[in-house]
PDB file of N, CA and C in Angstrom:
ATOM      1  N   MET A   1     147.859 -31.049  29.644  1.00  0.00           N
ATOM      2  CA  MET A   1     148.049 -32.481  29.481  1.00  0.00           C
ATOM      3  C   MET A   1     149.142 -32.698  28.430  1.00  0.00           C
ATOM      4  N   LEU A   2     150.103 -33.536  28.769  1.00  0.00           N
ATOM      5  CA  LEU A   2     151.232 -33.834  27.887  1.00  0.00           C
ATOM      6  C   LEU A   2     150.862 -34.999  26.985  1.00  0.00           C
ATOM      7  N   MET A   3     150.956 -34.786  25.683  1.00  0.00           N
ATOM      8  CA  MET A   3     150.628 -35.848  24.734  1.00  0.00           C
ATOM      9  C   MET A   3     151.770 -36.014  23.744  1.00  0.00           C
ATOM     10  N   LEU A   4     151.813 -37.186  23.165  1.00  0.00           N
ATOM     11  CA  LEU A   4     152.812 -37.469  22.134  1.00  0.00           C
ATOM     12  C   LEU A   4     152.116 -37.603  20.786  1.00  0.00           C
ATOM     13  N   GLY A   5     152.727 -37.019  19.768  1.00  0.00           N
ATOM     14  CA  GLY A   5     152.215 -37.167  18.422  1.00  0.00           C
ATOM     15  C   GLY A   5     152.641 -38.510  17.843  1.00  0.00           C
ATOM     16  N   PRO A   6     152.074 -38.880  16.690  1.00  0.00           N
ATOM     17  CA  PRO A   6     152.404 -40.168  16.074  1.00  0.00           C
ATOM     18  C   PRO A   6     153.895 -40.356  15.802  1.00  0.00           C
ATOM     19  N   LEU A   7     154.567 -39.331  15.301  1.00  0.00           N
ATOM     20  CA  LEU A   7     155.993 -39.446  15.006  1.00  0.00           C
ATOM     21  C   LEU A   7     156.805 -39.565  16.296  1.00  0.00           C
ATOM     22  N   GLU A   8     156.417 -38.824  17.320  1.00  0.00           N
ATOM     23  CA  GLU A   8     157.105 -38.935  18.607  1.00  0.00           C
ATOM     24  C   GLU A   8     156.968 -40.347  19.161  1.00  0.00           C
ATOM     25  N   ARG A   9     155.793 -40.945  19.006  1.00  0.00           N
ATOM     26  CA  ARG A   9     155.597 -42.324  19.471  1.00  0.00           C
ATOM     27  C   ARG A   9     156.476 -43.291  18.684  1.00  0.00           C
ATOM     28  N   GLU A  10     156.602 -43.077  17.378  1.00  0.00           N
ATOM     29  CA  GLU A  10     157.455 -43.944  16.560  1.00  0.00           C
ATOM     30  C   GLU A  10     158.922 -43.837  16.977  1.00  0.00           C
ATOM     31  N   VAL A  11     159.385 -42.621  17.187  1.00  0.00           N
ATOM     32  CA  VAL A  11     160.782 -42.417  17.585  1.00  0.00           C
ATOM     33  C   VAL A  11     161.013 -43.010  18.968  1.00  0.00           C
ATOM     34  N   LEU A  12     160.073 -42.831  19.870  1.00  0.00           N
ATOM     35  CA  LEU A  12     160.202 -43.397  21.208  1.00  0.00           C
ATOM     36  C   LEU A  12     160.213 -44.922  21.153  1.00  0.00           C
ATOM     37  N   SER A  13     159.404 -45.492  20.281  1.00  0.00           N
ATOM     38  CA  SER A  13     159.403 -46.945  20.099  1.00  0.00           C
ATOM     39  C   SER A  13     160.761 -47.415  19.581  1.00  0.00           C
ATOM     40  N   CYS A  14     161.317 -46.677  18.642  1.00  0.00           N
ATOM     41  CA  CYS A  14     162.657 -46.994  18.118  1.00  0.00           C
ATOM     42  C   CYS A  14     163.683 -46.925  19.240  1.00  0.00           C
ATOM     43  N   MET A  15     163.612 -45.884  20.053  1.00  0.00           N
ATOM     44  CA  MET A  15     164.555 -45.739  21.160  1.00  0.00           C
ATOM     45  C   MET A  15     164.404 -46.885  22.160  1.00  0.00           C
ATOM     46  N   ASN A  16     163.199 -47.375  22.359  1.00  0.00           N
ATOM     47  CA  ASN A  16     163.007 -48.516  23.252  1.00  0.00           C
ATOM     48  C   ASN A  16     163.685 -49.765  22.701  1.00  0.00           C
ATOM     49  N   GLU A  17     163.768 -49.867  21.382  1.00  0.00           N
ATOM     50  CA  GLU A  17     164.438 -51.010  20.762  1.00  0.00           C
ATOM     51  C   GLU A  17     165.960 -50.892  20.853  1.00  0.00           C
ATOM     52  N   ILE A  18     166.492 -49.725  20.518  1.00  0.00           N
ATOM     53  CA  ILE A  18     167.956 -49.598  20.468  1.00  0.00           C
ATOM     54  C   ILE A  18     168.562 -49.162  21.802  1.00  0.00           C
ATOM     55  N   LYS A  19     167.747 -48.670  22.714  1.00  0.00           N
ATOM     56  CA  LYS A  19     168.145 -48.275  24.078  1.00  0.00           C
ATOM     57  C   LYS A  19     168.973 -46.991  24.141  1.00  0.00           C
ATOM     58  N   GLU A  20     169.953 -46.830  23.253  1.00  0.00           N
ATOM     59  CA  GLU A  20     170.820 -45.656  23.278  1.00  0.00           C
ATOM     60  C   GLU A  20     171.338 -45.413  21.870  1.00  0.00           C
ATOM     61  N   GLY A  21     171.448 -44.130  21.500  1.00  0.00           N
ATOM     62  CA  GLY A  21     171.994 -43.861  20.182  1.00  0.00           C
ATOM     63  C   GLY A  21     172.027 -42.384  19.844  1.00  0.00           C
ATOM     64  N   THR A  22     172.782 -42.076  18.820  1.00  0.00           N
ATOM     65  CA  THR A  22     172.862 -40.722  18.282  1.00  0.00           C
ATOM     66  C   THR A  22     171.703 -40.517  17.314  1.00  0.00           C
ATOM     67  N   VAL A  23     171.568 -39.306  16.831  1.00  0.00           N
ATOM     68  CA  VAL A  23     170.540 -39.023  15.818  1.00  0.00           C
ATOM     69  C   VAL A  23     170.753 -39.947  14.621  1.00  0.00           C
ATOM     70  N   ARG A  24     172.004 -40.111  14.215  1.00  0.00           N
ATOM     71  CA  ARG A  24     172.302 -40.962  13.061  1.00  0.00           C
ATOM     72  C   ARG A  24     171.884 -42.412  13.317  1.00  0.00           C
ATOM     73  N   ASP A  25     172.118 -42.913  14.522  1.00  0.00           N
ATOM     74  CA  ASP A  25     171.721 -44.289  14.856  1.00  0.00           C
ATOM     75  C   ASP A  25     170.208 -44.461  14.733  1.00  0.00           C
ATOM     76  N   VAL A  26     169.470 -43.506  15.286  1.00  0.00           N
ATOM     77  CA  VAL A  26     168.005 -43.578  15.246  1.00  0.00           C
ATOM     78  C   VAL A  26     167.519 -43.438  13.808  1.00  0.00           C
ATOM     79  N   TYR A  27     168.112 -42.505  13.078  1.00  0.00           N
ATOM     80  CA  TYR A  27     167.754 -42.292  11.675  1.00  0.00           C
ATOM     81  C   TYR A  27     167.950 -43.574  10.852  1.00  0.00           C
ATOM     82  N   ARG A  28     169.094 -44.209  10.996  1.00  0.00           N
ATOM     83  CA  ARG A  28     169.380 -45.440  10.237  1.00  0.00           C
ATOM     84  C   ARG A  28     168.396 -46.553  10.596  1.00  0.00           C
ATOM     85  N   HIS A  29     168.070 -46.656  11.870  1.00  0.00           N
ATOM     86  CA  HIS A  29     167.140 -47.688  12.323  1.00  0.00           C
ATOM     87  C   HIS A  29     165.739 -47.440  11.753  1.00  0.00           C
ATOM     88  N   MET A  30     165.297 -46.200  11.784  1.00  0.00           N
ATOM     89  CA  MET A  30     163.954 -45.868  11.297  1.00  0.00           C
ATOM     90  C   MET A  30     163.872 -45.896   9.775  1.00  0.00           C
ATOM     91  N   LYS A  31     164.966 -45.548   9.109  1.00  0.00           N
ATOM     92  CA  LYS A  31     165.002 -45.459   7.643  1.00  0.00           C
ATOM     93  C   LYS A  31     164.708 -46.812   6.980  1.00  0.00           C
ATOM     94  N   ARG A  32     164.959 -47.897   7.710  1.00  0.00           N
ATOM     95  CA  ARG A  32     164.693 -49.229   7.150  1.00  0.00           C
ATOM     96  C   ARG A  32     163.215 -49.434   6.825  1.00  0.00           C
ATOM     97  N   GLU A  33     162.340 -48.808   7.620  1.00  0.00           N
ATOM     98  CA  GLU A  33     160.902 -49.040   7.453  1.00  0.00           C
ATOM     99  C   GLU A  33     160.107 -47.797   7.077  1.00  0.00           C
ATOM    100  N   LYS A  34     160.742 -46.626   7.118  1.00  0.00           N
ATOM    101  CA  LYS A  34     159.993 -45.391   6.910  1.00  0.00           C
ATOM    102  C   LYS A  34     160.860 -44.396   6.154  1.00  0.00           C
ATOM    103  N   ASN A  35     160.262 -43.718   5.196  1.00  0.00           N
ATOM    104  CA  ASN A  35     160.955 -42.652   4.488  1.00  0.00           C
ATOM    105  C   ASN A  35     160.916 -41.412   5.381  1.00  0.00           C
ATOM    106  N   ILE A  36     162.025 -41.118   6.025  1.00  0.00           N
ATOM    107  CA  ILE A  36     162.076 -40.039   7.006  1.00  0.00           C
ATOM    108  C   ILE A  36     163.370 -39.265   6.841  1.00  0.00           C
ATOM    109  N   ALA A  37     163.315 -37.974   7.100  1.00  0.00           N
ATOM    110  CA  ALA A  37     164.503 -37.121   6.958  1.00  0.00           C
ATOM    111  C   ALA A  37     165.318 -37.119   8.251  1.00  0.00           C
ATOM    112  N   TYR A  38     166.600 -36.996   8.097  1.00  0.00           N
ATOM    113  CA  TYR A  38     167.526 -36.923   9.236  1.00  0.00           C
ATOM    114  C   TYR A  38     167.132 -35.771  10.163  1.00  0.00           C
ATOM    115  N   THR A  39     166.817 -34.613   9.580  1.00  0.00           N
ATOM    116  CA  THR A  39     166.465 -33.445  10.394  1.00  0.00           C
ATOM    117  C   THR A  39     165.171 -33.667  11.174  1.00  0.00           C
ATOM    118  N   THR A  40     164.255 -34.443  10.623  1.00  0.00           N
ATOM    119  CA  THR A  40     163.008 -34.762  11.321  1.00  0.00           C
ATOM    120  C   THR A  40     163.297 -35.609  12.558  1.00  0.00           C
ATOM    121  N   VAL A  41     164.177 -36.577  12.399  1.00  0.00           N
ATOM    122  CA  VAL A  41     164.573 -37.415  13.532  1.00  0.00           C
ATOM    123  C   VAL A  41     165.245 -36.562  14.593  1.00  0.00           C
ATOM    124  N   SER A  42     166.150 -35.685  14.177  1.00  0.00           N
ATOM    125  CA  SER A  42     166.865 -34.817  15.103  1.00  0.00           C
ATOM    126  C   SER A  42     165.906 -33.933  15.892  1.00  0.00           C
ATOM    127  N   THR A  43     164.972 -33.304  15.206  1.00  0.00           N
ATOM    128  CA  THR A  43     163.993 -32.431  15.859  1.00  0.00           C
ATOM    129  C   THR A  43     163.112 -33.210  16.823  1.00  0.00           C
ATOM    130  N   THR A  44     162.693 -34.396  16.422  1.00  0.00           N
ATOM    131  CA  THR A  44     161.819 -35.208  17.260  1.00  0.00           C
ATOM    132  C   THR A  44     162.541 -35.690  18.509  1.00  0.00           C
ATOM    133  N   LEU A  45     163.795 -36.092  18.373  1.00  0.00           N
ATOM    134  CA  LEU A  45     164.580 -36.486  19.549  1.00  0.00           C
ATOM    135  C   LEU A  45     164.726 -35.312  20.513  1.00  0.00           C
ATOM    136  N   GLU A  46     164.971 -34.134  19.982  1.00  0.00           N
ATOM    137  CA  GLU A  46     165.099 -32.934  20.816  1.00  0.00           C
ATOM    138  C   GLU A  46     163.791 -32.677  21.575  1.00  0.00           C
ATOM    139  N   ARG A  47     162.672 -32.804  20.900  1.00  0.00           N
ATOM    140  CA  ARG A  47     161.370 -32.584  21.555  1.00  0.00           C
ATOM    141  C   ARG A  47     161.118 -33.619  22.648  1.00  0.00           C
ATOM    142  N   LEU A  48     161.458 -34.872  22.376  1.00  0.00           N
ATOM    143  CA  LEU A  48     161.274 -35.922  23.388  1.00  0.00           C
ATOM    144  C   LEU A  48     162.182 -35.683  24.586  1.00  0.00           C
ATOM    145  N   TYR A  49     163.374 -35.157  24.332  1.00  0.00           N
ATOM    146  CA  TYR A  49     164.285 -34.793  25.423  1.00  0.00           C
ATOM    147  C   TYR A  49     163.681 -33.651  26.248  1.00  0.00           C
ATOM    148  N   GLU A  50     163.159 -32.639  25.569  1.00  0.00           N
ATOM    149  CA  GLU A  50     162.556 -31.497  26.259  1.00  0.00           C
ATOM    150  C   GLU A  50     161.315 -31.913  27.064  1.00  0.00           C
ATOM    151  N   LYS A  51     160.593 -32.922  26.587  1.00  0.00           N
ATOM    152  CA  LYS A  51     159.412 -33.414  27.300  1.00  0.00           C
ATOM    153  C   LYS A  51     159.783 -34.411  28.395  1.00  0.00           C
ATOM    154  N   ASP A  52     161.074 -34.651  28.562  1.00  0.00           N
ATOM    155  CA  ASP A  52     161.607 -35.507  29.630  1.00  0.00           C
ATOM    156  C   ASP A  52     161.353 -37.004  29.408  1.00  0.00           C
ATOM    157  N   PHE A  53     161.279 -37.418  28.149  1.00  0.00           N
ATOM    158  CA  PHE A  53     161.144 -38.841  27.835  1.00  0.00           C
ATOM    159  C   PHE A  53     162.504 -39.485  27.580  1.00  0.00           C
ATOM    160  N   LEU A  54     163.499 -38.667  27.254  1.00  0.00           N
ATOM    161  CA  LEU A  54     164.833 -39.171  26.936  1.00  0.00           C
ATOM    162  C   LEU A  54     165.892 -38.469  27.772  1.00  0.00           C
ATOM    163  N   ASN A  55     166.973 -39.189  28.046  1.00  0.00           N
ATOM    164  CA  ASN A  55     168.186 -38.594  28.593  1.00  0.00           C
ATOM    165  C   ASN A  55     169.056 -38.185  27.416  1.00  0.00           C
ATOM    166  N   ARG A  56     169.947 -37.237  27.638  1.00  0.00           N
ATOM    167  CA  ARG A  56     170.851 -36.830  26.565  1.00  0.00           C
ATOM    168  C   ARG A  56     172.218 -36.548  27.153  1.00  0.00           C
ATOM    169  N   GLY A  57     173.223 -37.186  26.581  1.00  0.00           N
ATOM    170  CA  GLY A  57     174.606 -36.936  26.960  1.00  0.00           C
ATOM    171  C   GLY A  57     175.378 -36.503  25.739  1.00  0.00           C
ATOM    172  N   GLU A  58     176.636 -36.225  25.928  1.00  0.00           N
ATOM    173  CA  GLU A  58     177.490 -35.808  24.813  1.00  0.00           C
ATOM    174  C   GLU A  58     178.612 -36.808  24.616  1.00  0.00           C
ATOM    175  N   ASP A  59     178.965 -37.017  23.361  1.00  0.00           N
ATOM    176  CA  ASP A  59     180.065 -37.893  22.996  1.00  0.00           C
ATOM    177  C   ASP A  59     180.983 -37.096  22.069  1.00  0.00           C
ATOM    178  N   THR A  60     182.245 -36.981  22.459  1.00  0.00           N
ATOM    179  CA  THR A  60     183.195 -36.240  21.640  1.00  0.00           C
ATOM    180  C   THR A  60     184.127 -37.229  20.964  1.00  0.00           C
ATOM    181  N   GLY A  61     184.239 -37.091  19.678  1.00  0.00           N
ATOM    182  CA  GLY A  61     185.105 -37.970  18.904  1.00  0.00           C
ATOM    183  C   GLY A  61     185.543 -37.265  17.645  1.00  0.00           C
ATOM    184  N   ARG A  62     185.991 -38.063  16.691  1.00  0.00           N
ATOM    185  CA  ARG A  62     186.358 -37.467  15.402  1.00  0.00           C
ATOM    186  C   ARG A  62     185.126 -36.783  14.826  1.00  0.00           C
ATOM    187  N   GLY A  63     185.289 -35.599  14.354  1.00  0.00           N
ATOM    188  CA  GLY A  63     184.167 -34.874  13.775  1.00  0.00           C
ATOM    189  C   GLY A  63     183.454 -33.973  14.767  1.00  0.00           C
ATOM    190  N   GLY A  64     183.859 -33.998  16.031  1.00  0.00           N
ATOM    191  CA  GLY A  64     183.253 -33.088  16.997  1.00  0.00           C
ATOM    192  C   GLY A  64     182.392 -33.780  18.034  1.00  0.00           C
ATOM    193  N   THR A  65     181.537 -32.999  18.628  1.00  0.00           N
ATOM    194  CA  THR A  65     180.668 -33.477  19.698  1.00  0.00           C
ATOM    195  C   THR A  65     179.276 -33.749  19.145  1.00  0.00           C
ATOM    196  N   ARG A  66     178.691 -34.835  19.615  1.00  0.00           N
ATOM    197  CA  ARG A  66     177.320 -35.159  19.203  1.00  0.00           C
ATOM    198  C   ARG A  66     176.548 -35.639  20.429  1.00  0.00           C
ATOM    199  N   TYR A  67     175.233 -35.498  20.356  1.00  0.00           N
ATOM    200  CA  TYR A  67     174.381 -35.949  21.445  1.00  0.00           C
ATOM    201  C   TYR A  67     174.131 -37.447  21.347  1.00  0.00           C
ATOM    202  N   VAL A  68     174.070 -38.091  22.495  1.00  0.00           N
ATOM    203  CA  VAL A  68     173.701 -39.495  22.597  1.00  0.00           C
ATOM    204  C   VAL A  68     172.452 -39.550  23.467  1.00  0.00           C
ATOM    205  N   TYR A  69     171.383 -40.098  22.911  1.00  0.00           N
ATOM    206  CA  TYR A  69     170.095 -40.164  23.609  1.00  0.00           C
ATOM    207  C   TYR A  69     169.879 -41.558  24.179  1.00  0.00           C
ATOM    208  N   SER A  70     169.192 -41.619  25.304  1.00  0.00           N
ATOM    209  CA  SER A  70     168.795 -42.901  25.892  1.00  0.00           C
ATOM    210  C   SER A  70     167.412 -42.730  26.525  1.00  0.00           C
ATOM    211  N   VAL A  71     166.730 -43.849  26.682  1.00  0.00           N
ATOM    212  CA  VAL A  71     165.359 -43.831  27.184  1.00  0.00           C
ATOM    213  C   VAL A  71     165.357 -43.717  28.709  1.00  0.00           C
ATOM    214  N   ARG A  72     164.483 -42.882  29.204  1.00  0.00           N
ATOM    215  CA  ARG A  72     164.255 -42.783  30.647  1.00  0.00           C
ATOM    216  C   ARG A  72     163.235 -43.842  31.047  1.00  0.00           C
ATOM    217  N   ASP A  73     163.040 -44.041  32.344  1.00  0.00           N
ATOM    218  CA  ASP A  73     161.963 -44.916  32.827  1.00  0.00           C
ATOM    219  C   ASP A  73     160.663 -44.128  32.679  1.00  0.00           C
ATOM    220  N   ILE A  74     159.941 -44.393  31.604  1.00  0.00           N
ATOM    221  CA  ILE A  74     158.778 -43.572  31.269  1.00  0.00           C
ATOM    222  C   ILE A  74     157.441 -44.281  31.455  1.00  0.00           C
ATOM    223  N   LYS A  75     157.462 -45.521  31.907  1.00  0.00           N
ATOM    224  CA  LYS A  75     156.193 -46.242  32.042  1.00  0.00           C
ATOM    225  C   LYS A  75     155.177 -45.492  32.897  1.00  0.00           C
ATOM    226  N   PRO A  76     155.560 -44.961  34.082  1.00  0.00           N
ATOM    227  CA  PRO A  76     154.571 -44.214  34.865  1.00  0.00           C
ATOM    228  C   PRO A  76     154.034 -42.977  34.130  1.00  0.00           C
ATOM    229  N   LYS A  77     154.917 -42.302  33.406  1.00  0.00           N
ATOM    230  CA  LYS A  77     154.515 -41.104  32.672  1.00  0.00           C
ATOM    231  C   LYS A  77     153.548 -41.459  31.533  1.00  0.00           C
ATOM    232  N   ILE A  78     153.843 -42.541  30.821  1.00  0.00           N
ATOM    233  CA  ILE A  78     152.972 -42.988  29.732  1.00  0.00           C
ATOM    234  C   ILE A  78     151.623 -43.438  30.292  1.00  0.00           C
ATOM    235  N   ALA A  79     151.643 -44.160  31.402  1.00  0.00           N
ATOM    236  CA  ALA A  79     150.392 -44.611  32.016  1.00  0.00           C
ATOM    237  C   ALA A  79     149.531 -43.413  32.408  1.00  0.00           C
ATOM    238  N   LYS A  80     150.144 -42.394  32.988  1.00  0.00           N
ATOM    239  CA  LYS A  80     149.388 -41.202  33.379  1.00  0.00           C
ATOM    240  C   LYS A  80     148.811 -40.504  32.156  1.00  0.00           C
ATOM    241  N   MET A  81     149.605 -40.386  31.095  1.00  0.00           N
ATOM    242  CA  MET A  81     149.105 -39.765  29.861  1.00  0.00           C
ATOM    243  C   MET A  81     147.905 -40.527  29.328  1.00  0.00           C
ATOM    244  N   PHE A  82     148.010 -41.859  29.331  1.00  0.00           N
ATOM    245  CA  PHE A  82     146.927 -42.688  28.829  1.00  0.00           C
ATOM    246  C   PHE A  82     145.659 -42.473  29.651  1.00  0.00           C
ATOM    247  N   VAL A  83     145.794 -42.522  30.974  1.00  0.00           N
ATOM    248  CA  VAL A  83     144.632 -42.358  31.855  1.00  0.00           C
ATOM    249  C   VAL A  83     144.021 -40.971  31.689  1.00  0.00           C
ATOM    250  N   ASP A  84     144.849 -39.941  31.647  1.00  0.00           N
ATOM    251  CA  ASP A  84     144.340 -38.578  31.477  1.00  0.00           C
ATOM    252  C   ASP A  84     143.576 -38.427  30.164  1.00  0.00           C
ATOM    253  N   GLU A  85     144.154 -38.966  29.090  1.00  0.00           N
ATOM    254  CA  GLU A  85     143.499 -38.863  27.783  1.00  0.00           C
ATOM    255  C   GLU A  85     142.209 -39.677  27.762  1.00  0.00           C
ATOM    256  N   PHE A  86     142.271 -40.870  28.324  1.00  0.00           N
ATOM    257  CA  PHE A  86     141.085 -41.732  28.371  1.00  0.00           C
ATOM    258  C   PHE A  86     139.966 -41.063  29.178  1.00  0.00           C
ATOM    259  N   MET A  87     140.324 -40.481  30.333  1.00  0.00           N
ATOM    260  CA  MET A  87     139.336 -39.799  31.178  1.00  0.00           C
ATOM    261  C   MET A  87     138.704 -38.620  30.449  1.00  0.00           C
ATOM    262  N   SER A  88     139.498 -37.865  29.726  1.00  0.00           N
ATOM    263  CA  SER A  88     138.947 -36.706  29.019  1.00  0.00           C
ATOM    264  C   SER A  88     137.987 -37.134  27.911  1.00  0.00           C
ATOM    265  N   MET A  89     138.205 -38.315  27.360  1.00  0.00           N
ATOM    266  CA  MET A  89     137.347 -38.803  26.282  1.00  0.00           C
ATOM    267  C   MET A  89     136.095 -39.519  26.790  1.00  0.00           C
ATOM    268  N   PHE A  90     136.241 -40.307  27.876  1.00  0.00           N
ATOM    269  CA  PHE A  90     135.151 -41.198  28.274  1.00  0.00           C
ATOM    270  C   PHE A  90     134.623 -40.984  29.690  1.00  0.00           C
ATOM    271  N   GLY A  91     135.290 -40.173  30.486  1.00  0.00           N
ATOM    272  CA  GLY A  91     134.815 -39.892  31.837  1.00  0.00           C
ATOM    273  C   GLY A  91     134.930 -41.095  32.763  1.00  0.00           C
ATOM    274  N   LYS A  92     134.297 -40.966  33.934  1.00  0.00           N
ATOM    275  CA  LYS A  92     134.400 -42.001  34.967  1.00  0.00           C
ATOM    276  C   LYS A  92     133.753 -43.315  34.537  1.00  0.00           C
ATOM    277  N   SER A  93     132.653 -43.250  33.804  1.00  0.00           N
ATOM    278  CA  SER A  93     132.006 -44.498  33.377  1.00  0.00           C
ATOM    279  C   SER A  93     132.918 -45.278  32.428  1.00  0.00           C
ATOM    280  N   GLY A  94     133.658 -44.554  31.602  1.00  0.00           N
ATOM    281  CA  GLY A  94     134.615 -45.205  30.715  1.00  0.00           C
ATOM    282  C   GLY A  94     135.748 -45.848  31.492  1.00  0.00           C
ATOM    283  N   MET A  95     136.186 -45.188  32.559  1.00  0.00           N
ATOM    284  CA  MET A  95     137.248 -45.750  33.397  1.00  0.00           C
ATOM    285  C   MET A  95     136.782 -47.034  34.062  1.00  0.00           C
ATOM    286  N   SER A  96     135.524 -47.067  34.481  1.00  0.00           N
ATOM    287  CA  SER A  96     134.986 -48.292  35.099  1.00  0.00           C
ATOM    288  C   SER A  96     134.999 -49.437  34.092  1.00  0.00           C
ATOM    289  N   ALA A  97     134.597 -49.156  32.865  1.00  0.00           N
ATOM    290  CA  ALA A  97     134.603 -50.178  31.819  1.00  0.00           C
ATOM    291  C   ALA A  97     136.030 -50.644  31.523  1.00  0.00           C
ATOM    292  N   LEU A  98     136.965 -49.709  31.473  1.00  0.00           N
ATOM    293  CA  LEU A  98     138.362 -50.058  31.233  1.00  0.00           C
ATOM    294  C   LEU A  98     138.896 -50.922  32.368  1.00  0.00           C
ATOM    295  N   HIS A  99     138.594 -50.553  33.587  1.00  0.00           N
ATOM    296  CA  HIS A  99     139.032 -51.314  34.752  1.00  0.00           C
ATOM    297  C   HIS A  99     138.515 -52.753  34.683  1.00  0.00           C
ATOM    298  N   GLU A 100     137.240 -52.919  34.332  1.00  0.00           N
ATOM    299  CA  GLU A 100     136.665 -54.268  34.197  1.00  0.00           C
ATOM    300  C   GLU A 100     137.398 -55.067  33.116  1.00  0.00           C
ATOM    301  N   GLU A 101     137.690 -54.417  32.016  1.00  0.00           N
ATOM    302  CA  GLU A 101     138.378 -55.091  30.904  1.00  0.00           C
ATOM    303  C   GLU A 101     139.793 -55.490  31.299  1.00  0.00           C
ATOM    304  N   ILE A 102     140.489 -54.637  31.998  1.00  0.00           N
ATOM    305  CA  ILE A 102     141.849 -54.942  32.452  1.00  0.00           C
ATOM    306  C   ILE A 102     141.820 -56.135  33.403  1.00  0.00           C
ATOM    307  N   ASN A 103     140.861 -56.172  34.286  1.00  0.00           N
ATOM    308  CA  ASN A 103     140.751 -57.279  35.244  1.00  0.00           C
ATOM    309  C   ASN A 103     140.541 -58.622  34.550  1.00  0.00           C
ATOM    310  N   LYS A 104     139.934 -58.623  33.390  1.00  0.00           N
ATOM    311  CA  LYS A 104     139.738 -59.873  32.628  1.00  0.00           C
ATOM    312  C   LYS A 104     141.073 -60.436  32.146  1.00  0.00           C
ATOM    313  N   HIS A 105     142.073 -59.579  32.000  1.00  0.00           N
ATOM    314  CA  HIS A 105     143.354 -60.001  31.440  1.00  0.00           C
ATOM    315  C   HIS A 105     144.395 -60.351  32.501  1.00  0.00           C
ATOM    316  N   GLU A 106     144.027 -60.278  33.743  1.00  0.00           N
ATOM    317  CA  GLU A 106     144.992 -60.577  34.812  1.00  0.00           C
ATOM    318  C   GLU A 106     145.050 -62.053  35.106  1.00  0.00           C
TER     319      GLU A 106
END
């Protein structure tokens, strides 16, 4: 089962806000609200790319080549992760309760 850690969720949330950016772009955006290291952001973006949550391209300019990350369409993947995790915790009876609760909000 594929799961995201708290920091991965934060970085993914940041990427959903900015849509596309380099490690530096994400770092600057996150640094406003969280004391975080540049290398931590870089490692987390790489992990999200490896888990297929982000696209990654290259941009060559002054100073060399750098990666540019963008968000993939991950809603189905996130929904599946949520359902799998929920099922492992609460079983079928929990899913029935969740289904009833969701129907109240439609």
